[in-house]
Amino acid sequence: MQLGLLSGVLLLVVALVSPATCLNEDYKSFRTALHDLQYELKNIRNALAFIEKVTTAGNKIFASHGVQATYDEALQICANAGGSLAAPENHAQNEAVWSIVKKYGVSAFLGIDELKTEGVYRYHQIGEAITYSNWNQGEPNNFQGNDEDCAEMPLANEGLWNDQLCDSKYLVICQF
């Protein structure tokens, strides 16, 4: 069963069975079923770590199908999959994304941009200023006066970030 489908089933079960209904039914049975679903979800998540192009860090799963796209296309691809464009919030997550970049051998967009305010990089999904960064020396720099508003993780930079034109095409890595 796919992770997204299992999560959807879990949410549906919780939404359909209110505590009042459970009082009339076998509440203990419901709790056991919920626990079993949570356990199965955890096992699926752990199993995904063994798939070549999927990795986990903390409570996040990072995955790629190898597609390359512009920044806007990448955002949409991840949203359609039920996730968001990978946006590392700490060193472990950055390493997880870097491991996928290395496996595919191409640079990847990050879900981090300065589209709202020049000079203020934000997590695209939540709109908040980034709290973790791993910029390469001298970055971000709008190289040669270009309006480089999107963050990327170049293959050549060992997990360090670069600012890049948003209409470039790079590997799409989604986070869930």
C-alpha atoms as a PDB file:
ATOM      1  CA  MET A   1       0.000   0.000   0.000  1.00  0.00           C
ATOM      2  CA  GLN A   2       1.373   3.428  -0.880  1.00  0.00           C
ATOM      3  CA  LEU A   3       2.323   5.766   1.965  1.00  0.00           C
ATOM      4  CA  GLY A   4      -0.066   8.515   0.822  1.00  0.00           C
ATOM      5  CA  LEU A   5      -2.981   6.091   0.607  1.00  0.00           C
ATOM      6  CA  LEU A   6      -2.248   4.663   4.054  1.00  0.00           C
ATOM      7  CA  SER A   7      -2.042   8.171   5.538  1.00  0.00           C
ATOM      8  CA  GLY A   8      -5.367   9.015   3.872  1.00  0.00           C
ATOM      9  CA  VAL A   9      -7.000   5.894   5.318  1.00  0.00           C
ATOM     10  CA  LEU A  10      -5.647   6.779   8.760  1.00  0.00           C
ATOM     11  CA  LEU A  11      -7.095  10.312   8.547  1.00  0.00           C
ATOM     12  CA  LEU A  12     -10.419   8.956   7.289  1.00  0.00           C
ATOM     13  CA  VAL A  13     -10.669   6.511  10.179  1.00  0.00           C
ATOM     14  CA  VAL A  14      -9.971   9.269  12.688  1.00  0.00           C
ATOM     15  CA  ALA A  15     -12.473  11.634  11.027  1.00  0.00           C
ATOM     16  CA  LEU A  16     -15.273   9.074  10.777  1.00  0.00           C
ATOM     17  CA  VAL A  17     -15.025   7.674  14.267  1.00  0.00           C
ATOM     18  CA  SER A  18     -15.699  10.321  16.860  1.00  0.00           C
ATOM     19  CA  PRO A  19     -15.077   9.671  20.570  1.00  0.00           C
ATOM     20  CA  ALA A  20     -18.847   9.683  21.172  1.00  0.00           C
ATOM     21  CA  THR A  21     -19.336   6.953  18.582  1.00  0.00           C
ATOM     22  CA  CYS A  22     -16.479   4.988  20.082  1.00  0.00           C
ATOM     23  CA  LEU A  23     -18.153   5.064  23.497  1.00  0.00           C
ATOM     24  CA  ASN A  24     -21.111   3.223  21.994  1.00  0.00           C
ATOM     25  CA  GLU A  25     -18.839   0.808  20.154  1.00  0.00           C
ATOM     26  CA  ASP A  26     -15.745  -0.970  21.198  1.00  0.00           C
ATOM     27  CA  TYR A  27     -13.380   1.950  21.877  1.00  0.00           C
ATOM     28  CA  LYS A  28     -10.568  -0.378  22.808  1.00  0.00           C
ATOM     29  CA  SER A  29     -10.880  -2.110  19.445  1.00  0.00           C
ATOM     30  CA  PHE A  30     -10.704   1.255  17.687  1.00  0.00           C
ATOM     31  CA  ARG A  31      -7.578   2.258  19.596  1.00  0.00           C
ATOM     32  CA  THR A  32      -5.952  -1.082  18.753  1.00  0.00           C
ATOM     33  CA  ALA A  33      -6.772  -0.643  15.064  1.00  0.00           C
ATOM     34  CA  LEU A  34      -5.412   2.910  15.129  1.00  0.00           C
ATOM     35  CA  HIS A  35      -2.226   1.725  16.838  1.00  0.00           C
ATOM     36  CA  ASP A  36      -1.839  -1.025  14.224  1.00  0.00           C
ATOM     37  CA  LEU A  37      -2.212   1.512  11.396  1.00  0.00           C
ATOM     38  CA  GLN A  38       0.353   3.807  12.994  1.00  0.00           C
ATOM     39  CA  TYR A  39       2.723   0.866  13.381  1.00  0.00           C
ATOM     40  CA  GLU A  40       2.210  -0.149   9.745  1.00  0.00           C
ATOM     41  CA  LEU A  41       2.832   3.436   8.599  1.00  0.00           C
ATOM     42  CA  LYS A  42       6.067   3.511  10.597  1.00  0.00           C
ATOM     43  CA  ASN A  43       7.179   0.213   9.041  1.00  0.00           C
ATOM     44  CA  ILE A  44       6.406   1.430   5.525  1.00  0.00           C
ATOM     45  CA  ARG A  45       8.350   4.605   6.203  1.00  0.00           C
ATOM     46  CA  ASN A  46      11.338   2.591   7.426  1.00  0.00           C
ATOM     47  CA  ALA A  47      11.106   0.273   4.420  1.00  0.00           C
ATOM     48  CA  LEU A  48      11.174   3.231   2.046  1.00  0.00           C
ATOM     49  CA  ALA A  49      14.648   4.050   3.317  1.00  0.00           C
ATOM     50  CA  PHE A  50      15.865   0.887   1.584  1.00  0.00           C
ATOM     51  CA  ILE A  51      14.623   1.989  -1.821  1.00  0.00           C
ATOM     52  CA  GLU A  52      17.484   3.489  -3.801  1.00  0.00           C
ATOM     53  CA  LYS A  53      16.029   6.930  -4.517  1.00  0.00           C
ATOM     54  CA  VAL A  54      14.214   7.481  -1.218  1.00  0.00           C
ATOM     55  CA  THR A  55      15.739   8.479   2.084  1.00  0.00           C
ATOM     56  CA  THR A  56      14.541   9.717   5.453  1.00  0.00           C
ATOM     57  CA  ALA A  57      15.788  12.272   7.952  1.00  0.00           C
ATOM     58  CA  GLY A  58      13.934  12.852  11.177  1.00  0.00           C
ATOM     59  CA  ASN A  59      10.230  12.908  10.428  1.00  0.00           C
ATOM     60  CA  LYS A  60      10.668  13.633   6.709  1.00  0.00           C
ATOM     61  CA  ILE A  61      10.843  11.341   3.710  1.00  0.00           C
ATOM     62  CA  PHE A  62      12.698  12.593   0.615  1.00  0.00           C
ATOM     63  CA  ALA A  63      12.085  11.012  -2.795  1.00  0.00           C
ATOM     64  CA  SER A  64      12.668  11.634  -6.482  1.00  0.00           C
ATOM     65  CA  HIS A  65      11.520  10.036  -9.725  1.00  0.00           C
ATOM     66  CA  GLY A  66      14.466  11.550 -11.590  1.00  0.00           C
ATOM     67  CA  VAL A  67      12.367  14.222 -13.320  1.00  0.00           C
ATOM     68  CA  GLN A  68      14.001  17.575 -14.060  1.00  0.00           C
ATOM     69  CA  ALA A  69      11.808  20.686 -14.139  1.00  0.00           C
ATOM     70  CA  THR A  70      11.730  24.447 -13.635  1.00  0.00           C
ATOM     71  CA  TYR A  71      11.130  25.708 -10.107  1.00  0.00           C
ATOM     72  CA  ASP A  72       7.400  26.344 -10.634  1.00  0.00           C
ATOM     73  CA  GLU A  73       6.980  22.952 -12.297  1.00  0.00           C
ATOM     74  CA  ALA A  74       8.890  21.276  -9.454  1.00  0.00           C
ATOM     75  CA  LEU A  75       6.637  22.904  -6.857  1.00  0.00           C
ATOM     76  CA  GLN A  76       3.574  21.617  -8.719  1.00  0.00           C
ATOM     77  CA  ILE A  77       4.976  18.103  -9.198  1.00  0.00           C
ATOM     78  CA  CYS A  78       5.581  17.758  -5.454  1.00  0.00           C
ATOM     79  CA  ALA A  79       2.213  19.291  -4.533  1.00  0.00           C
ATOM     80  CA  ASN A  80       0.449  16.861  -6.893  1.00  0.00           C
ATOM     81  CA  ALA A  81       2.256  13.999  -5.141  1.00  0.00           C
ATOM     82  CA  GLY A  82       1.024  15.209  -1.744  1.00  0.00           C
ATOM     83  CA  GLY A  83       4.336  16.677  -0.639  1.00  0.00           C
ATOM     84  CA  SER A  84       6.448  19.770  -1.147  1.00  0.00           C
ATOM     85  CA  LEU A  85       9.772  20.560  -2.782  1.00  0.00           C
ATOM     86  CA  ALA A  86      12.643  19.436  -0.526  1.00  0.00           C
ATOM     87  CA  ALA A  87      13.697  22.221   1.841  1.00  0.00           C
ATOM     88  CA  PRO A  88      16.320  21.078   4.365  1.00  0.00           C
ATOM     89  CA  GLU A  89      15.806  22.501   7.841  1.00  0.00           C
ATOM     90  CA  ASN A  90      18.923  20.957   9.400  1.00  0.00           C
ATOM     91  CA  HIS A  91      22.164  19.166   8.566  1.00  0.00           C
ATOM     92  CA  ALA A  92      20.619  15.666   8.580  1.00  0.00           C
ATOM     93  CA  GLN A  93      17.925  16.701   6.101  1.00  0.00           C
ATOM     94  CA  ASN A  94      20.517  18.427   3.925  1.00  0.00           C
ATOM     95  CA  GLU A  95      22.565  15.214   3.870  1.00  0.00           C
ATOM     96  CA  ALA A  96      19.447  13.220   2.933  1.00  0.00           C
ATOM     97  CA  VAL A  97      18.782  15.504  -0.048  1.00  0.00           C
ATOM     98  CA  TRP A  98      22.464  15.446  -0.996  1.00  0.00           C
ATOM     99  CA  SER A  99      22.421  11.634  -1.056  1.00  0.00           C
ATOM    100  CA  ILE A 100      19.656  11.717  -3.701  1.00  0.00           C
ATOM    101  CA  VAL A 101      21.494  14.373  -5.739  1.00  0.00           C
ATOM    102  CA  LYS A 102      24.565  12.104  -5.770  1.00  0.00           C
ATOM    103  CA  LYS A 103      22.528   9.040  -6.755  1.00  0.00           C
ATOM    104  CA  TYR A 104      21.030  10.822  -9.768  1.00  0.00           C
ATOM    105  CA  GLY A 105      24.221  12.708 -10.626  1.00  0.00           C
ATOM    106  CA  VAL A 106      22.451  16.030 -11.286  1.00  0.00           C
ATOM    107  CA  SER A 107      21.782  19.257  -9.389  1.00  0.00           C
ATOM    108  CA  ALA A 108      18.414  19.715  -7.650  1.00  0.00           C
ATOM    109  CA  PHE A 109      16.131  22.600  -6.782  1.00  0.00           C
ATOM    110  CA  LEU A 110      15.366  23.219  -3.115  1.00  0.00           C
ATOM    111  CA  GLY A 111      12.016  24.527  -1.863  1.00  0.00           C
ATOM    112  CA  ILE A 112      13.754  27.739  -0.809  1.00  0.00           C
ATOM    113  CA  ASP A 113      13.513  31.050  -2.655  1.00  0.00           C
ATOM    114  CA  GLU A 114      13.626  34.825  -2.372  1.00  0.00           C
ATOM    115  CA  LEU A 115      10.643  35.459  -4.642  1.00  0.00           C
ATOM    116  CA  LYS A 116       8.764  37.576  -2.056  1.00  0.00           C
ATOM    117  CA  THR A 117      11.630  39.770  -0.856  1.00  0.00           C
ATOM    118  CA  GLU A 118      15.037  40.139  -2.492  1.00  0.00           C
ATOM    119  CA  GLY A 119      17.746  38.996  -0.083  1.00  0.00           C
ATOM    120  CA  VAL A 120      15.381  37.086   2.228  1.00  0.00           C
ATOM    121  CA  TYR A 121      15.348  33.375   1.475  1.00  0.00           C
ATOM    122  CA  ARG A 122      12.213  31.606   2.661  1.00  0.00           C
ATOM    123  CA  TYR A 123      10.849  28.086   2.821  1.00  0.00           C
ATOM    124  CA  HIS A 124       8.449  28.237  -0.118  1.00  0.00           C
ATOM    125  CA  GLN A 125       5.801  26.005   1.448  1.00  0.00           C
ATOM    126  CA  ILE A 126       5.376  28.001   4.668  1.00  0.00           C
ATOM    127  CA  GLY A 127       6.665  31.424   3.621  1.00  0.00           C
ATOM    128  CA  GLU A 128       8.930  31.809   6.658  1.00  0.00           C
ATOM    129  CA  ALA A 129      12.570  32.918   6.531  1.00  0.00           C
ATOM    130  CA  ILE A 130      14.950  29.967   6.522  1.00  0.00           C
ATOM    131  CA  THR A 131      16.395  28.962   9.884  1.00  0.00           C
ATOM    132  CA  TYR A 132      19.062  26.667   8.428  1.00  0.00           C
ATOM    133  CA  SER A 133      21.299  27.284   5.439  1.00  0.00           C
ATOM    134  CA  ASN A 134      24.229  25.617   3.753  1.00  0.00           C
ATOM    135  CA  TRP A 135      25.298  28.193   1.161  1.00  0.00           C
ATOM    136  CA  ASN A 136      28.518  27.703  -0.741  1.00  0.00           C
ATOM    137  CA  GLN A 137      31.136  30.392  -0.088  1.00  0.00           C
ATOM    138  CA  GLY A 138      30.089  33.678  -1.745  1.00  0.00           C
ATOM    139  CA  GLU A 139      26.498  32.539  -2.232  1.00  0.00           C
ATOM    140  CA  PRO A 140      23.840  33.689  -2.737  1.00  0.00           C
ATOM    141  CA  ASN A 141      25.230  36.202  -5.210  1.00  0.00           C
ATOM    142  CA  ASN A 142      22.933  36.806  -8.242  1.00  0.00           C
ATOM    143  CA  PHE A 143      25.881  35.803 -10.471  1.00  0.00           C
ATOM    144  CA  GLN A 144      26.674  38.300 -13.232  1.00  0.00           C
ATOM    145  CA  GLY A 145      23.670  40.427 -12.273  1.00  0.00           C
ATOM    146  CA  ASN A 146      21.173  37.631 -12.957  1.00  0.00           C
ATOM    147  CA  ASP A 147      18.012  37.536 -10.861  1.00  0.00           C
ATOM    148  CA  GLU A 148      18.759  34.201  -9.197  1.00  0.00           C
ATOM    149  CA  ASP A 149      15.832  33.807  -6.805  1.00  0.00           C
ATOM    150  CA  CYS A 150      15.753  30.030  -6.300  1.00  0.00           C
ATOM    151  CA  ALA A 151      18.037  27.794  -4.254  1.00  0.00           C
ATOM    152  CA  GLU A 152      19.636  24.709  -5.750  1.00  0.00           C
ATOM    153  CA  MET A 153      21.963  22.004  -4.556  1.00  0.00           C
ATOM    154  CA  PRO A 154      24.584  21.638  -7.313  1.00  0.00           C
ATOM    155  CA  LEU A 155      26.117  18.222  -7.872  1.00  0.00           C
ATOM    156  CA  ALA A 156      29.604  19.761  -7.838  1.00  0.00           C
ATOM    157  CA  ASN A 157      29.253  21.471  -4.438  1.00  0.00           C
ATOM    158  CA  GLU A 158      29.124  18.526  -1.980  1.00  0.00           C
ATOM    159  CA  GLY A 159      25.729  19.503  -0.546  1.00  0.00           C
ATOM    160  CA  LEU A 160      26.385  23.246  -0.467  1.00  0.00           C
ATOM    161  CA  TRP A 161      23.719  25.563  -1.922  1.00  0.00           C
ATOM    162  CA  ASN A 162      23.752  28.045  -4.778  1.00  0.00           C
ATOM    163  CA  ASP A 163      21.225  30.647  -5.918  1.00  0.00           C
ATOM    164  CA  GLN A 164      19.966  29.961  -9.422  1.00  0.00           C
ATOM    165  CA  LEU A 165      17.533  31.178 -12.058  1.00  0.00           C
ATOM    166  CA  CYS A 166      14.083  29.744 -11.370  1.00  0.00           C
ATOM    167  CA  ASP A 167      13.453  28.911 -15.028  1.00  0.00           C
ATOM    168  CA  SER A 168      16.439  26.548 -15.132  1.00  0.00           C
ATOM    169  CA  LYS A 169      15.639  22.831 -15.060  1.00  0.00           C
ATOM    170  CA  TYR A 170      16.917  20.738 -12.161  1.00  0.00           C
ATOM    171  CA  LEU A 171      16.138  17.487 -10.417  1.00  0.00           C
ATOM    172  CA  VAL A 172      12.881  17.441  -8.464  1.00  0.00           C
ATOM    173  CA  ILE A 173      13.170  16.007  -4.948  1.00  0.00           C
ATOM    174  CA  CYS A 174       9.973  16.037  -2.899  1.00  0.00           C
ATOM    175  CA  GLN A 175       9.590  15.822   0.852  1.00  0.00           C
ATOM    176  CA  PHE A 176       6.729  14.157   2.681  1.00  0.00           C
END
